[in-house]
N, C-alpha and C. Protein backbone atom coordinates (compact mmCIF):
# COMPACT_ATOMS: atom_id res chain seq x y z
N MET A 1 12.25 -3.73 6.84
CA MET A 1 11.60 -2.18 6.49
C MET A 1 10.52 -2.27 5.78
N THR A 2 10.71 -3.06 4.63
CA THR A 2 9.45 -3.05 3.67
C THR A 2 8.03 -3.93 4.20
N LEU A 3 8.39 -4.73 5.46
CA LEU A 3 7.21 -5.10 6.07
C LEU A 3 6.60 -3.91 7.12
N LEU A 4 7.55 -3.43 7.64
CA LEU A 4 7.10 -2.38 8.54
C LEU A 4 6.29 -1.20 8.02
N ILE A 5 6.77 -0.59 6.89
CA ILE A 5 6.21 0.28 6.03
C ILE A 5 4.84 -0.22 5.58
N THR A 6 4.74 -1.21 5.01
CA THR A 6 3.50 -1.67 4.59
C THR A 6 2.43 -2.09 5.43
N VAL A 7 2.85 -2.46 6.73
CA VAL A 7 1.95 -2.57 8.05
C VAL A 7 1.43 -1.36 8.10
N PHE A 8 2.19 -0.21 8.28
CA PHE A 8 1.61 1.14 8.71
C PHE A 8 0.78 1.27 7.58
N ALA A 9 1.16 1.41 6.77
CA ALA A 9 0.22 1.75 5.39
C ALA A 9 -1.30 1.12 5.26
N ALA A 10 -0.95 -0.21 5.56
CA ALA A 10 -2.35 -1.20 5.92
C ALA A 10 -3.19 -0.61 7.06
N VAL A 11 -2.37 -0.48 7.85
CA VAL A 11 -3.13 -0.11 9.49
C VAL A 11 -3.75 1.31 9.19
N THR A 12 -3.13 2.23 8.47
CA THR A 12 -3.64 3.80 8.33
C THR A 12 -4.99 3.69 7.59
N ALA A 13 -4.64 2.86 6.08
CA ALA A 13 -5.75 2.76 5.27
C ALA A 13 -7.13 2.18 5.88
N THR A 14 -6.88 1.09 7.13
CA THR A 14 -7.87 0.28 7.49
C THR A 14 -8.72 1.41 8.42
N ILE A 15 -7.87 2.26 9.05
CA ILE A 15 -8.45 2.91 10.22
C ILE A 15 -9.45 4.14 9.25
N LEU A 16 -8.63 4.40 8.12
CA LEU A 16 -9.74 5.32 7.30
C LEU A 16 -10.83 4.72 6.84
N TRP A 17 -10.63 3.61 6.40
CA TRP A 17 -11.67 2.60 5.81
C TRP A 17 -13.15 2.51 6.89
N TYR A 18 -12.35 2.26 8.13
CA TYR A 18 -13.57 1.85 9.30
C TYR A 18 -14.14 3.33 9.55
N ASN A 19 -13.51 4.46 9.68
CA ASN A 19 -14.13 5.56 9.95
C ASN A 19 -14.68 6.46 8.76
N ARG A 20 -14.93 5.62 7.74
CA ARG A 20 -15.58 6.40 6.54
C ARG A 20 -16.91 6.53 6.78
N LYS A 21 -17.65 7.76 6.19
CA LYS A 21 -19.06 8.22 5.94
C LYS A 21 -19.86 7.26 4.98
N ASP A 22 -18.87 7.06 3.52
CA ASP A 22 -19.76 6.39 2.60
C ASP A 22 -18.66 5.77 1.79
N ASP A 23 -19.15 4.86 1.09
CA ASP A 23 -17.88 3.88 0.40
C ASP A 23 -17.30 4.43 -0.95
N SER A 24 -17.81 5.79 -1.26
CA SER A 24 -17.39 6.13 -2.70
C SER A 24 -15.91 6.38 -2.95
N MET A 25 -15.12 6.44 -2.15
CA MET A 25 -13.74 6.33 -2.21
C MET A 25 -12.99 5.40 -2.26
N ARG A 26 -13.85 4.07 -2.07
CA ARG A 26 -13.51 2.73 -2.39
C ARG A 26 -12.17 2.21 -1.60
N LEU A 27 -12.18 2.81 -0.46
CA LEU A 27 -10.99 2.70 0.47
C LEU A 27 -10.68 1.08 0.77
N GLY A 28 -11.45 0.27 0.79
CA GLY A 28 -11.44 -1.25 0.67
C GLY A 28 -10.38 -1.84 -0.02
N THR A 29 -10.31 -1.21 -1.63
CA THR A 29 -9.36 -1.82 -2.19
C THR A 29 -8.16 -1.39 -1.82
N LEU A 30 -7.79 -0.09 -1.25
CA LEU A 30 -6.57 0.30 -0.91
C LEU A 30 -6.27 -0.73 0.42
N CYS A 31 -6.97 -0.99 1.22
CA CYS A 31 -6.88 -1.88 2.47
C CYS A 31 -6.32 -3.15 1.77
N PHE A 32 -7.18 -3.72 0.75
CA PHE A 32 -6.78 -5.20 0.22
C PHE A 32 -5.32 -5.02 -0.27
N LEU A 33 -5.08 -4.01 -1.01
CA LEU A 33 -3.56 -3.88 -1.55
C LEU A 33 -2.37 -3.93 -0.39
N TYR A 34 -2.63 -3.17 0.46
CA TYR A 34 -1.73 -3.04 1.58
C TYR A 34 -1.55 -4.29 2.29
N TRP A 35 -2.94 -4.94 2.73
CA TRP A 35 -2.71 -6.14 3.75
C TRP A 35 -1.83 -7.26 2.62
N GLY A 36 -2.58 -7.05 1.43
CA GLY A 36 -1.76 -8.40 0.53
C GLY A 36 -0.21 -8.17 0.66
N ALA A 37 0.15 -6.82 0.23
CA ALA A 37 1.73 -6.35 0.59
C ALA A 37 2.24 -6.91 1.67
N SER A 38 1.61 -6.59 2.99
CA SER A 38 2.00 -6.88 4.23
C SER A 38 2.02 -8.49 4.44
N ILE A 39 1.59 -9.26 3.80
CA ILE A 39 1.33 -10.71 4.02
C ILE A 39 2.41 -11.19 3.10
N MET A 40 2.62 -10.61 1.98
CA MET A 40 3.75 -11.07 1.01
C MET A 40 5.07 -10.85 1.87
N TRP A 41 5.13 -9.66 2.48
CA TRP A 41 6.19 -9.46 3.10
C TRP A 41 6.64 -10.12 4.36
N LEU A 42 5.72 -10.57 5.05
CA LEU A 42 5.65 -11.42 6.20
C LEU A 42 6.26 -12.69 5.86
N VAL A 43 5.54 -13.22 4.76
CA VAL A 43 6.26 -14.79 4.47
C VAL A 43 7.84 -14.72 3.81
N ASP A 44 7.95 -13.40 3.04
CA ASP A 44 9.48 -13.16 2.88
C ASP A 44 10.46 -12.96 3.82
N ALA A 45 9.68 -12.45 5.30
CA ALA A 45 10.71 -12.16 6.06
C ALA A 45 10.82 -13.72 7.08
N ILE A 46 9.91 -14.21 7.02
CA ILE A 46 9.87 -15.54 7.54
C ILE A 46 11.02 -16.40 6.88
N PHE A 47 10.74 -16.52 5.77
CA PHE A 47 11.86 -17.20 4.84
C PHE A 47 13.32 -16.76 5.13
N GLU A 48 13.27 -15.48 4.93
CA GLU A 48 14.57 -15.06 5.16
C GLU A 48 15.50 -15.12 6.37
N TYR A 49 14.49 -15.07 7.53
CA TYR A 49 14.91 -15.49 8.88
C TYR A 49 15.12 -16.76 9.10
N VAL A 50 14.45 -17.96 8.31
CA VAL A 50 15.09 -19.19 8.43
C VAL A 50 16.20 -19.40 7.94
N GLU A 51 16.64 -18.76 6.89
CA GLU A 51 17.84 -18.65 5.93
C GLU A 51 18.90 -18.11 6.85
N LEU A 52 18.85 -16.77 7.55
CA LEU A 52 20.00 -16.19 7.86
C LEU A 52 19.86 -16.39 9.61
N GLN A 53 18.97 -16.93 10.17
CA GLN A 53 19.04 -17.00 11.63
C GLN A 53 19.19 -15.80 12.23
N ALA A 54 20.16 -15.68 12.99
CA ALA A 54 20.47 -14.45 14.09
C ALA A 54 21.01 -13.26 13.17
N GLU A 55 21.61 -13.75 12.09
CA GLU A 55 22.06 -12.56 11.14
C GLU A 55 21.10 -11.71 10.71
N TYR A 56 19.71 -12.11 10.88
CA TYR A 56 18.38 -11.47 10.37
C TYR A 56 18.20 -10.01 11.12
N PHE A 57 18.69 -10.13 12.27
CA PHE A 57 18.25 -9.02 13.21
C PHE A 57 19.52 -7.93 13.15
N THR A 58 20.74 -8.29 12.34
CA THR A 58 21.70 -7.25 12.33
C THR A 58 21.89 -6.70 10.63
N PRO A 59 20.90 -6.22 10.24
CA PRO A 59 21.25 -5.90 8.77
C PRO A 59 22.10 -4.65 8.53
N ALA A 60 22.75 -4.75 7.45
CA ALA A 60 23.75 -3.25 6.99
C ALA A 60 22.98 -2.45 6.76
N LEU A 61 23.48 -1.19 6.80
CA LEU A 61 22.72 0.13 6.85
C LEU A 61 22.28 0.18 5.09
N GLU A 62 23.33 -0.51 4.37
CA GLU A 62 22.49 -0.40 2.66
C GLU A 62 21.32 -1.09 2.60
N ASP A 63 21.37 -2.19 3.18
CA ASP A 63 20.21 -3.19 3.25
C ASP A 63 19.02 -2.47 3.81
N ILE A 64 19.08 -1.74 4.93
CA ILE A 64 17.82 -0.93 5.45
C ILE A 64 17.64 0.18 4.55
N ILE A 65 18.16 0.62 4.09
CA ILE A 65 17.83 1.81 3.16
C ILE A 65 17.36 1.33 1.67
N ASN A 66 17.60 0.17 1.15
CA ASN A 66 17.08 -0.43 0.01
C ASN A 66 15.70 -1.04 0.34
N ASP A 67 15.66 -1.59 1.69
CA ASP A 67 14.46 -1.83 1.97
C ASP A 67 13.24 -0.99 2.17
N SER A 68 13.91 0.27 2.74
CA SER A 68 12.90 1.30 2.89
C SER A 68 12.40 1.94 1.56
N PHE A 69 13.50 1.96 0.69
CA PHE A 69 12.98 2.61 -0.60
C PHE A 69 12.09 1.38 -1.57
N LEU A 70 12.39 0.15 -1.31
CA LEU A 70 11.28 -0.69 -1.80
C LEU A 70 9.80 -0.59 -0.91
N GLY A 71 9.91 -0.45 0.21
CA GLY A 71 8.43 -0.37 0.81
C GLY A 71 8.04 0.89 0.37
N LEU A 72 8.51 2.08 0.44
CA LEU A 72 7.78 3.21 -0.15
C LEU A 72 7.50 3.25 -1.34
N SER A 73 8.24 2.48 -2.04
CA SER A 73 7.82 2.27 -3.78
C SER A 73 6.38 1.45 -3.65
N VAL A 74 6.42 0.57 -2.74
CA VAL A 74 5.31 -0.51 -2.84
C VAL A 74 4.15 0.15 -2.39
N VAL A 75 4.33 1.09 -1.37
CA VAL A 75 2.87 2.06 -1.08
C VAL A 75 2.90 3.10 -2.07
N ALA A 76 3.68 3.71 -2.73
CA ALA A 76 3.33 4.50 -3.85
C ALA A 76 2.62 3.82 -4.92
N LEU A 77 3.08 2.59 -5.32
CA LEU A 77 2.40 1.82 -6.54
C LEU A 77 1.11 1.52 -6.04
N GLY A 78 0.76 1.26 -4.63
CA GLY A 78 -0.48 1.08 -4.43
C GLY A 78 -1.57 1.98 -4.37
N LEU A 79 -0.88 3.16 -4.01
CA LEU A 79 -1.96 4.56 -4.27
C LEU A 79 -2.25 4.91 -5.72
N VAL A 80 -1.34 4.48 -6.61
CA VAL A 80 -1.01 4.69 -7.74
C VAL A 80 -2.57 3.69 -8.49
N ILE A 81 -2.15 2.60 -8.12
CA ILE A 81 -3.25 1.72 -8.60
C ILE A 81 -4.77 2.04 -8.23
N TRP A 82 -4.49 2.42 -6.65
CA TRP A 82 -6.21 2.77 -6.17
C TRP A 82 -6.61 4.17 -6.84
N LEU A 83 -5.60 5.05 -6.95
CA LEU A 83 -6.39 6.21 -7.66
C LEU A 83 -6.70 5.91 -9.13
N VAL A 84 -5.99 5.09 -10.10
CA VAL A 84 -6.40 4.92 -11.60
C VAL A 84 -7.79 4.11 -11.12
N ARG A 85 -7.89 3.32 -10.40
CA ARG A 85 -9.37 2.39 -10.09
C ARG A 85 -10.35 3.51 -9.72
N LEU A 86 -10.05 4.66 -8.99
CA LEU A 86 -10.88 5.49 -8.53
C LEU A 86 -11.58 6.37 -9.76
N LEU A 87 -10.54 6.80 -10.55
CA LEU A 87 -10.68 7.69 -11.65
C LEU A 87 -11.52 6.78 -12.66
N ILE A 88 -11.41 5.73 -12.89
CA ILE A 88 -12.19 5.05 -14.08
C ILE A 88 -13.55 4.80 -13.22
N ALA A 89 -13.61 4.28 -12.01
CA ALA A 89 -15.07 4.18 -11.37
C ALA A 89 -15.69 5.74 -11.26
N ASP A 90 -14.86 6.58 -11.21
CA ASP A 90 -15.46 8.01 -10.93
C ASP A 90 -16.74 8.02 -10.21
N PRO A 91 -16.65 7.79 -8.68
CA PRO A 91 -17.71 7.82 -8.01
C PRO A 91 -18.49 8.96 -7.98
N LYS A 92 -18.02 10.06 -8.01
CA LYS A 92 -18.97 11.61 -7.94
C LYS A 92 -19.00 11.87 -9.13
N GLY A 93 -18.72 11.49 -10.33
CA GLY A 93 -19.03 12.05 -11.32
C GLY A 93 -18.06 13.28 -11.92
N SER A 94 -16.95 13.46 -11.33
CA SER A 94 -16.09 14.70 -11.37
C SER A 94 -15.37 14.58 -12.70
N VAL A 95 -14.89 13.61 -13.01
CA VAL A 95 -13.97 13.32 -14.30
C VAL A 95 -15.09 13.51 -15.43
N ARG A 96 -16.03 12.79 -15.08
CA ARG A 96 -17.28 13.02 -16.32
C ARG A 96 -17.56 14.48 -16.69
N ARG A 97 -17.83 15.21 -15.55
CA ARG A 97 -17.92 16.88 -15.68
C ARG A 97 -16.99 17.65 -16.25
N ALA A 98 -15.84 17.33 -15.84
CA ALA A 98 -14.85 18.05 -16.43
C ALA A 98 -14.33 17.78 -17.85
N LEU A 99 -14.55 16.45 -18.44
CA LEU A 99 -14.49 15.94 -19.93
C LEU A 99 -15.53 17.04 -20.74
N LYS A 100 -17.02 16.77 -20.13
CA LYS A 100 -17.88 17.72 -20.78
C LYS A 100 -17.83 19.02 -20.70
N LYS A 101 -17.33 19.50 -19.69
CA LYS A 101 -16.82 21.04 -19.79
C LYS A 101 -16.04 21.24 -20.74
N ASN A 102 -14.94 20.58 -20.99
CA ASN A 102 -13.76 20.85 -21.78
C ASN A 102 -14.27 20.62 -23.17
N ALA A 103 -15.40 19.81 -23.43
CA ALA A 103 -15.58 19.61 -25.18
C ALA A 103 -16.49 20.37 -25.62
């Protein structure tokens, strides 16, 4: 499930990146984060398949739920990293204006 969730997130981020009007939102960073996670989970799935063989395709319900939570956590962490990077870069100057307004 971790692989499936991160691949869906990577494909979605890539579609958004491809259809962008400008690069101010830095969607390329989000794509790299999710595709990197997807490659990591693919390698993990390959090694797990080598270890378990046919049992790999019949996981327990508890394993599916745990993997789903892990996949969603990875997607959420990727979003947090992207948002922090976006806030630091502040491409549209929104944070800078808000700080000057409050000061």
